Amino acid sequence: MNEPIGELLPPPRLMMTPGPSNMHERVYRALATPLVGHMDPWFTAMMGDVQILLRRVFQTENRMTYPISASGSGGIEAAVVNPLEAGDEAIVCSNGWFSERMAVIGERTAAKIHRVVAPYGNTVDPDDVRRAGRGHKIKLIGLAHGETSSGVLQNLDDYRKVADELGAILVVDAVATLGGVPLDVDRQRLDICFSGSQKTLSAPPGMAPITLNPRVEEIVKTRKTPVQSWYFDFVPIMSFWGSERTYHHTPPISLIFALREALRLTLEEGLEARWERHRQNQHALIAGVEAMGLQPFVKNPADRLPTVVAVTVPPSIDEAKVRAQLREEFNLEIAGGFGPLKCKIWRVGLMGYVSQRSNVLLFLGAFEKVLGDHGFRLPAGAGVGAAVHSYSEAGAVAAR
């Protein structure tokens, strides 16, 4: 007879990964509150709270703003399959694993997908997008605001200009940026924008906040053919998350409770303050890494994603063994590269609740120790010292 399965006791990891991120204790408390039915009047009224909070974080007045009951990849799928149908053409800016996923999903519709490709670690040139659209009737341009596979940030305003010239809607993957990087859906005129709950919002995995403007609502309502996905079809969801609250599916009730609290925390801090916190911690971490003799993978500082710092692995260092020792010795989790960047980079997450000065300094001290154990020679304390100096400089600038 088998022994009974024991109590669930996960190790207390510091999750400095590109997601999921650690959560504030208030989010854990919200996650543990009692369930109610998803058609209970109390719950359907509370759904409105979540939509109000999401609109404030996205900075939009869009009626259709809600959390998809799916991971960030579900957000990609919903954003692509709803507007595209047979005969349509779209451009996808592919410069990493997740932006490429948008192209792959697009190819599973009956639309024609034009890729505009840039190497990992680089942004896609908007002029290349403009050239790719010439002579075509482009319906959609899609891109990742922050590409977590390589730590790249792209300037959305550049692509909005191109989309206007081509008459296309702009679809933005903000999975790694919402709540940590400046983003204003209405001012930047983003037609569809989606994110992930487990990243910079620091809520549990399993939800993909999304917002779509009236232009997109009209596109999906006037499609000639049904959306290929029943689950992600925006039209019935408009009734579920609209004023009717018509049943569509059973949403993850506890996750919605937790997301609501994470959004409250985001707005209590203030979006501008939150963006600045992420920027300062990114600068300090990069200063520390460079002082240790390591190089950021993204060469252009303006293109570096504040929520995920990619660091090039030095020759002769086994990146997986370094990550394993950080996890085993310090209970600290970072990520490696994958796809073409497998074994070539470390990816250090500075997302939401994790993006704190104390975590940056802890990571740099632990990283220096582990690298030394693996034979990488560097000045003792250089990384932590450089990061502290970066914080001091940031404080001096703020005080002026």
Protein backbone atom coordinates (compact mmCIF):
# COMPACT_ATOMS: atom_id res chain seq x y z
CA MET A 1 0.00 0.00 0.00
CA ASN A 2 1.37 3.41 -0.95
CA GLU A 3 2.24 5.94 1.72
CA PRO A 4 -0.12 8.97 1.95
CA ILE A 5 1.07 11.99 0.00
CA GLY A 6 2.56 14.59 2.35
CA GLU A 7 1.70 18.21 2.94
CA LEU A 8 2.50 20.62 0.13
CA LEU A 9 5.51 22.73 1.21
CA PRO A 10 7.21 24.53 -1.71
CA PRO A 11 10.65 26.05 -1.01
CA PRO A 12 10.62 29.82 -0.32
CA ARG A 13 12.27 30.91 -3.58
CA LEU A 14 13.12 34.47 -4.53
CA MET A 15 11.77 34.41 -8.09
CA MET A 16 14.05 36.73 -10.07
CA THR A 17 12.83 35.19 -13.32
CA PRO A 18 10.95 36.59 -16.32
CA GLY A 19 7.84 35.25 -14.58
CA PRO A 20 6.24 34.19 -12.43
CA SER A 21 7.24 36.75 -9.84
CA ASN A 22 6.83 36.72 -6.08
CA MET A 23 3.65 38.28 -4.75
CA HIS A 24 2.82 40.76 -2.00
CA GLU A 25 1.27 39.23 1.13
CA ARG A 26 -2.00 41.06 0.38
CA VAL A 27 -2.25 39.18 -2.92
CA TYR A 28 -1.74 35.86 -1.14
CA ARG A 29 -4.49 36.79 1.33
CA ALA A 30 -6.86 37.68 -1.52
CA LEU A 31 -6.06 34.36 -3.20
CA ALA A 32 -7.09 32.50 -0.02
CA THR A 33 -10.45 34.22 0.47
CA PRO A 34 -13.64 32.09 0.28
CA LEU A 35 -15.04 31.12 -3.10
CA VAL A 36 -18.36 32.37 -4.36
CA GLY A 37 -20.17 31.27 -7.49
CA HIS A 38 -19.16 32.90 -10.76
CA MET A 39 -22.79 33.90 -11.38
CA ASP A 40 -23.33 35.13 -7.83
CA PRO A 41 -24.49 38.79 -7.95
CA TRP A 42 -21.67 39.71 -5.57
CA PHE A 43 -19.09 38.23 -7.93
CA THR A 44 -20.56 39.71 -11.11
CA ALA A 45 -20.55 43.13 -9.43
CA MET A 46 -16.93 42.60 -8.36
CA MET A 47 -16.00 41.85 -11.98
CA GLY A 48 -16.75 45.53 -12.62
CA ASP A 49 -14.15 46.50 -9.99
CA VAL A 50 -11.53 44.48 -11.85
CA GLN A 51 -12.40 46.17 -15.13
CA ILE A 52 -12.17 49.65 -13.60
CA LEU A 53 -8.76 48.85 -12.10
CA LEU A 54 -7.50 47.35 -15.35
CA ARG A 55 -8.59 50.42 -17.32
CA ARG A 56 -6.59 52.62 -14.95
CA VAL A 57 -3.47 50.46 -15.27
CA PHE A 58 -3.78 50.21 -19.06
CA GLN A 59 -4.68 53.93 -19.10
CA THR A 60 -7.71 53.47 -21.32
CA GLU A 61 -11.42 54.16 -21.51
CA ASN A 62 -12.02 51.03 -23.62
CA ARG A 63 -15.26 49.30 -22.70
CA MET A 64 -13.82 45.88 -23.54
CA THR A 65 -11.09 45.61 -20.91
CA TYR A 66 -11.01 42.37 -18.94
CA PRO A 67 -8.77 39.45 -17.88
CA ILE A 68 -8.80 36.46 -20.23
CA SER A 69 -8.95 33.16 -18.34
CA ALA A 70 -5.63 31.98 -19.76
CA SER A 71 -1.90 32.61 -19.63
CA GLY A 72 -0.19 35.35 -21.63
CA SER A 73 -0.02 33.00 -24.60
CA GLY A 74 -3.82 32.93 -24.52
CA GLY A 75 -3.65 36.71 -24.81
CA ILE A 76 -1.55 36.37 -27.95
CA GLU A 77 -4.02 33.91 -29.46
CA ALA A 78 -7.09 36.02 -28.69
CA ALA A 79 -5.46 39.17 -30.05
CA VAL A 80 -4.51 37.50 -33.34
CA VAL A 81 -7.36 35.12 -34.21
CA ASN A 82 -10.18 37.62 -33.61
CA PRO A 83 -9.28 40.28 -36.21
CA LEU A 84 -7.78 37.96 -38.86
CA GLU A 85 -9.69 35.86 -41.37
CA ALA A 86 -9.28 34.54 -44.91
CA GLY A 87 -7.96 37.12 -47.36
CA ASP A 88 -6.42 39.36 -44.68
CA GLU A 89 -2.74 40.22 -44.52
CA ALA A 90 -0.74 41.02 -41.38
CA ILE A 91 2.79 41.96 -40.41
CA VAL A 92 4.40 40.50 -37.29
CA CYS A 93 7.62 42.01 -35.93
CA SER A 94 9.64 38.94 -34.93
CA ASN A 95 12.70 39.56 -32.77
CA GLY A 96 12.41 36.80 -30.19
CA TRP A 97 10.62 33.69 -29.04
CA PHE A 98 7.33 35.30 -28.02
CA SER A 99 6.95 37.72 -30.91
CA GLU A 100 7.63 34.75 -33.19
CA ARG A 101 4.82 32.91 -31.38
CA MET A 102 2.48 35.68 -32.54
CA ALA A 103 3.51 34.95 -36.13
CA VAL A 104 3.03 31.19 -35.68
CA ILE A 105 -0.47 31.71 -34.26
CA GLY A 106 -1.27 34.06 -37.14
CA GLU A 107 -0.25 31.39 -39.63
CA ARG A 108 -2.88 29.07 -38.15
CA THR A 109 -5.57 31.46 -39.30
CA ALA A 110 -6.43 31.77 -42.98
CA ALA A 111 -4.62 35.12 -43.19
CA LYS A 112 -1.26 35.76 -44.88
CA ILE A 113 1.48 36.65 -42.38
CA HIS A 114 4.50 38.74 -43.36
CA ARG A 115 7.36 38.48 -40.88
CA VAL A 116 9.76 41.39 -40.37
CA VAL A 117 12.66 39.80 -38.53
CA ALA A 118 15.44 41.24 -36.38
CA PRO A 119 18.14 39.24 -34.56
CA TYR A 120 17.59 38.41 -30.91
CA GLY A 121 18.82 41.35 -28.83
CA ASN A 122 17.71 43.94 -31.40
CA THR A 123 14.55 45.90 -32.09
CA VAL A 124 12.68 45.58 -35.38
CA ASP A 125 13.34 48.58 -37.64
CA PRO A 126 10.03 50.43 -38.24
CA ASP A 127 11.27 51.33 -41.74
CA ASP A 128 11.54 47.61 -42.51
CA VAL A 129 7.92 47.24 -41.40
CA ARG A 130 6.93 50.16 -43.63
CA ARG A 131 8.70 48.59 -46.61
CA ALA A 132 7.13 45.20 -45.96
CA GLY A 133 3.67 46.77 -46.07
CA ARG A 134 4.07 48.58 -49.36
CA GLY A 135 1.89 47.10 -52.07
CA HIS A 136 -0.16 45.11 -49.57
CA LYS A 137 -3.44 45.74 -47.79
CA ILE A 138 -2.21 45.21 -44.24
CA LYS A 139 -4.93 44.73 -41.65
CA LEU A 140 -2.80 44.17 -38.54
CA ILE A 141 0.70 44.91 -37.26
CA GLY A 142 1.74 42.90 -34.21
CA LEU A 143 4.77 43.17 -31.95
CA ALA A 144 6.07 42.54 -28.44
CA HIS A 145 6.60 45.71 -26.40
CA GLY A 146 9.01 43.78 -24.18
CA GLU A 147 10.56 40.59 -25.58
CA THR A 148 11.41 38.52 -22.50
CA SER A 149 13.39 35.88 -24.41
CA SER A 150 16.17 38.43 -25.01
CA GLY A 151 15.43 41.45 -22.79
CA VAL A 152 14.52 43.90 -25.57
CA LEU A 153 12.16 46.90 -25.30
CA GLN A 154 10.58 48.45 -28.43
CA ASN A 155 9.28 52.00 -28.89
CA LEU A 156 5.57 51.65 -29.62
CA ASP A 157 5.15 55.14 -31.06
CA ASP A 158 7.37 54.25 -34.04
CA TYR A 159 5.09 51.37 -35.02
CA ARG A 160 1.90 53.39 -34.47
CA LYS A 161 3.08 55.79 -37.16
CA VAL A 162 3.68 52.93 -39.59
CA ALA A 163 0.31 51.35 -38.74
CA ASP A 164 -1.41 54.66 -39.49
CA GLU A 165 0.34 54.91 -42.86
CA LEU A 166 -0.74 51.36 -43.76
CA GLY A 167 -4.25 51.68 -42.32
CA ALA A 168 -3.62 48.76 -39.95
CA ILE A 169 -4.60 48.07 -36.38
CA LEU A 170 -1.71 47.80 -33.90
CA VAL A 171 -1.60 44.74 -31.62
CA VAL A 172 0.83 44.96 -28.70
CA ASP A 173 2.09 42.19 -26.45
CA ALA A 174 2.65 43.95 -23.09
CA VAL A 175 3.00 40.73 -21.09
CA ALA A 176 6.37 41.84 -19.66
CA THR A 177 5.72 45.59 -19.46
CA LEU A 178 2.26 46.44 -18.08
CA GLY A 179 2.78 48.00 -14.67
CA GLY A 180 6.57 48.26 -14.99
CA VAL A 181 7.27 50.30 -18.13
CA PRO A 182 5.50 53.45 -19.38
CA LEU A 183 2.42 52.38 -21.33
CA ASP A 184 -0.63 54.49 -22.19
CA VAL A 185 -3.09 52.60 -24.39
CA ASP A 186 -5.30 55.55 -25.30
CA ARG A 187 -2.57 58.14 -25.80
CA GLN A 188 -0.44 55.72 -27.84
CA ARG A 189 -3.56 54.55 -29.70
CA LEU A 190 -3.00 50.82 -29.27
CA ASP A 191 -5.90 48.93 -30.83
CA ILE A 192 -5.36 45.70 -28.89
CA CYS A 193 -3.04 45.40 -25.91
CA PHE A 194 -2.68 42.38 -23.65
CA SER A 195 -0.53 41.31 -20.72
CA GLY A 196 0.02 38.49 -18.21
CA SER A 197 -0.99 38.43 -14.56
CA GLN A 198 2.15 36.70 -13.28
CA LYS A 199 4.69 39.19 -14.60
CA THR A 200 5.01 42.83 -13.54
CA LEU A 201 1.55 42.89 -11.96
CA SER A 202 2.79 40.22 -9.50
CA ALA A 203 -0.44 38.21 -9.42
CA PRO A 204 -0.74 34.42 -9.85
CA PRO A 205 -0.29 32.91 -13.31
CA GLY A 206 -3.40 32.10 -15.31
CA MET A 207 -4.88 35.41 -16.48
CA ALA A 208 -4.15 37.59 -19.50
CA PRO A 209 -5.51 41.14 -19.05
CA ILE A 210 -6.53 42.57 -22.43
CA THR A 211 -8.07 45.74 -23.80
CA LEU A 212 -9.49 46.44 -27.26
CA ASN A 213 -10.87 49.65 -28.65
CA PRO A 214 -14.19 50.28 -30.50
CA ARG A 215 -12.45 49.93 -33.85
CA VAL A 216 -11.56 46.33 -33.01
CA GLU A 217 -15.04 45.67 -31.60
CA GLU A 218 -16.49 46.67 -34.96
CA ILE A 219 -13.98 44.48 -36.86
CA VAL A 220 -14.89 41.34 -34.90
CA LYS A 221 -18.64 42.02 -35.01
CA THR A 222 -18.57 42.30 -38.81
CA ARG A 223 -16.39 39.27 -39.59
CA LYS A 224 -17.51 37.22 -42.58
CA THR A 225 -16.59 33.93 -40.86
CA PRO A 226 -16.66 32.71 -37.24
CA VAL A 227 -13.50 33.09 -35.17
CA GLN A 228 -11.59 29.80 -35.34
CA SER A 229 -11.48 29.62 -31.52
CA TRP A 230 -14.77 29.39 -29.61
CA TYR A 231 -13.07 30.00 -26.26
CA PHE A 232 -11.19 33.16 -27.28
CA ASP A 233 -13.95 34.67 -29.47
CA PHE A 234 -14.37 38.29 -28.34
CA VAL A 235 -18.07 38.54 -29.28
CA PRO A 236 -19.59 36.23 -26.62
CA ILE A 237 -17.03 37.50 -24.10
CA MET A 238 -18.41 41.00 -24.70
CA SER A 239 -21.62 39.79 -23.08
CA PHE A 240 -19.86 37.94 -20.25
CA TRP A 241 -17.66 40.90 -19.28
CA GLY A 242 -20.24 43.43 -20.52
CA SER A 243 -23.26 44.72 -18.65
CA GLU A 244 -25.26 41.55 -19.38
CA ARG A 245 -22.86 39.20 -17.51
CA THR A 246 -24.18 36.37 -19.72
CA TYR A 247 -22.57 33.03 -18.82
CA HIS A 248 -19.69 32.01 -21.08
CA HIS A 249 -17.30 29.86 -19.02
CA THR A 250 -16.30 29.35 -15.39
CA PRO A 251 -13.56 31.90 -14.71
CA PRO A 252 -10.74 31.26 -12.21
CA ILE A 253 -12.49 33.00 -9.33
CA SER A 254 -9.62 32.95 -6.83
CA LEU A 255 -7.18 34.23 -9.45
CA ILE A 256 -9.50 37.14 -10.16
CA PHE A 257 -9.60 37.97 -6.45
CA ALA A 258 -5.80 37.99 -6.40
CA LEU A 259 -5.53 40.05 -9.60
CA ARG A 260 -7.90 42.64 -8.14
CA GLU A 261 -5.62 43.08 -5.12
CA ALA A 262 -2.48 43.21 -7.27
CA LEU A 263 -4.06 45.97 -9.36
CA ARG A 264 -4.99 47.89 -6.19
CA LEU A 265 -1.37 47.69 -5.04
CA THR A 266 -0.17 48.90 -8.44
CA LEU A 267 -2.41 51.97 -8.32
CA GLU A 268 -1.67 52.71 -4.67
CA GLU A 269 2.02 52.98 -5.55
CA GLY A 270 1.22 55.05 -8.65
CA LEU A 271 2.13 54.16 -12.21
CA GLU A 272 4.87 56.79 -12.58
CA ALA A 273 6.48 55.81 -9.26
CA ARG A 274 6.30 52.16 -10.25
CA TRP A 275 7.93 52.80 -13.63
CA GLU A 276 10.72 54.78 -11.95
CA ARG A 277 11.31 52.01 -9.38
CA HIS A 278 11.77 49.47 -12.16
CA ARG A 279 14.08 51.81 -14.07
CA GLN A 280 16.30 52.48 -11.06
CA ASN A 281 16.60 48.81 -10.17
CA GLN A 282 17.42 47.91 -13.77
CA HIS A 283 20.17 50.55 -13.92
CA ALA A 284 21.64 49.39 -10.61
CA LEU A 285 21.65 45.74 -11.65
CA ILE A 286 23.30 46.51 -14.97
CA ALA A 287 25.91 48.71 -13.25
CA GLY A 288 26.69 45.83 -10.90
CA VAL A 289 26.89 43.27 -13.70
CA GLU A 290 29.23 45.46 -15.75
CA ALA A 291 31.46 46.12 -12.73
CA MET A 292 31.84 42.35 -12.40
CA GLY A 293 33.21 42.18 -15.94
CA LEU A 294 30.04 40.83 -17.51
CA GLN A 295 28.13 42.26 -20.47
CA PRO A 296 24.42 42.93 -20.98
CA PHE A 297 23.19 40.96 -23.98
CA VAL A 298 21.28 43.95 -25.43
CA LYS A 299 23.98 46.37 -26.60
CA ASN A 300 21.93 49.57 -26.98
CA PRO A 301 20.96 50.88 -23.51
CA ALA A 302 17.77 52.46 -24.91
CA ASP A 303 16.60 49.02 -26.09
CA ARG A 304 17.01 47.26 -22.72
CA LEU A 305 13.84 46.01 -21.05
CA PRO A 306 13.59 47.30 -17.45
CA THR A 307 11.78 44.18 -16.23
CA VAL A 308 14.14 41.51 -17.64
CA VAL A 309 17.92 42.02 -17.80
CA ALA A 310 19.72 39.61 -20.14
CA VAL A 311 23.38 38.95 -19.28
CA THR A 312 25.83 37.27 -21.66
CA VAL A 313 27.37 34.07 -20.27
CA PRO A 314 31.21 34.26 -20.26
CA PRO A 315 33.19 31.57 -22.08
CA SER A 316 33.97 28.45 -20.04
CA ILE A 317 31.06 29.08 -17.60
CA ASP A 318 28.22 26.56 -17.44
CA GLU A 319 25.18 28.80 -17.14
CA ALA A 320 22.89 26.02 -15.93
CA LYS A 321 25.25 25.07 -13.09
CA VAL A 322 25.41 28.72 -11.99
CA ARG A 323 21.60 28.87 -11.90
CA ALA A 324 21.42 25.58 -10.02
CA GLN A 325 23.86 26.79 -7.35
CA LEU A 326 21.97 30.08 -6.93
CA ARG A 327 18.80 28.06 -6.40
CA GLU A 328 20.31 25.47 -4.05
CA GLU A 329 22.54 27.77 -2.00
CA PHE A 330 20.55 31.01 -1.95
CA ASN A 331 16.98 29.91 -2.80
CA LEU A 332 17.23 32.40 -5.68
CA GLU A 333 15.84 31.54 -9.12
CA ILE A 334 16.93 33.18 -12.37
CA ALA A 335 16.35 31.92 -15.91
CA GLY A 336 18.56 30.85 -18.76
CA GLY A 337 18.10 31.44 -22.45
CA PHE A 338 16.17 29.16 -24.78
CA GLY A 339 15.88 28.62 -28.49
CA PRO A 340 18.90 30.19 -30.23
CA LEU A 341 20.03 31.72 -26.90
CA LYS A 342 20.14 28.45 -24.96
CA CYS A 343 23.28 28.37 -22.76
CA LYS A 344 24.23 31.86 -24.02
CA ILE A 345 22.46 34.22 -21.61
CA TRP A 346 21.06 34.51 -18.11
CA ARG A 347 17.74 36.32 -17.77
CA VAL A 348 17.25 38.16 -14.49
CA GLY A 349 13.70 39.26 -13.73
CA LEU A 350 12.97 42.57 -12.02
CA MET A 351 9.22 42.31 -12.17
CA GLY A 352 6.69 43.98 -9.93
CA TYR A 353 7.07 43.04 -6.25
CA VAL A 354 10.49 41.47 -6.94
CA SER A 355 11.94 44.73 -8.29
CA GLN A 356 13.42 45.94 -5.00
CA ARG A 357 16.81 47.35 -4.07
CA SER A 358 17.37 44.63 -1.46
CA ASN A 359 16.79 41.90 -4.05
CA VAL A 360 19.18 43.52 -6.55
CA LEU A 361 21.95 43.69 -3.94
CA LEU A 362 21.27 40.14 -2.74
CA PHE A 363 21.41 38.83 -6.29
CA LEU A 364 24.67 40.60 -7.12
CA GLY A 365 26.37 39.35 -3.96
CA ALA A 366 25.17 35.78 -4.54
CA PHE A 367 26.02 35.92 -8.25
CA GLU A 368 29.57 37.09 -7.52
CA LYS A 369 30.09 34.28 -5.02
CA VAL A 370 28.75 31.59 -7.36
CA LEU A 371 30.70 32.84 -10.38
CA GLY A 372 33.86 32.81 -8.26
CA ASP A 373 33.15 29.20 -7.30
CA HIS A 374 33.01 28.41 -11.01
CA GLY A 375 36.39 29.98 -11.72
CA PHE A 376 35.32 33.42 -12.98
CA ARG A 377 37.73 35.96 -11.48
CA LEU A 378 36.33 39.37 -10.62
CA PRO A 379 37.01 42.22 -8.18
CA ALA A 380 35.57 41.38 -4.75
CA GLY A 381 32.42 43.35 -3.98
CA ALA A 382 32.57 45.24 -7.29
CA GLY A 383 29.03 44.42 -8.34
CA VAL A 384 27.34 45.39 -5.09
CA GLY A 385 29.47 48.54 -4.82
CA ALA A 386 28.57 49.67 -8.34
CA ALA A 387 24.87 49.06 -7.70
CA VAL A 388 24.97 51.06 -4.43
CA HIS A 389 26.69 53.91 -6.30
CA SER A 390 23.96 53.77 -8.98
CA TYR A 391 21.27 54.08 -6.31
CA SER A 392 23.13 57.00 -4.71
CA GLU A 393 23.32 58.80 -8.04
CA ALA A 394 19.62 58.22 -8.66
CA GLY A 395 18.81 59.64 -5.22
CA ALA A 396 20.98 62.68 -5.84
CA VAL A 397 19.23 63.38 -9.15
CA ALA A 398 15.79 62.98 -7.53
CA ALA A 399 16.75 65.43 -4.76
CA ARG A 400 17.71 68.22 -7.19
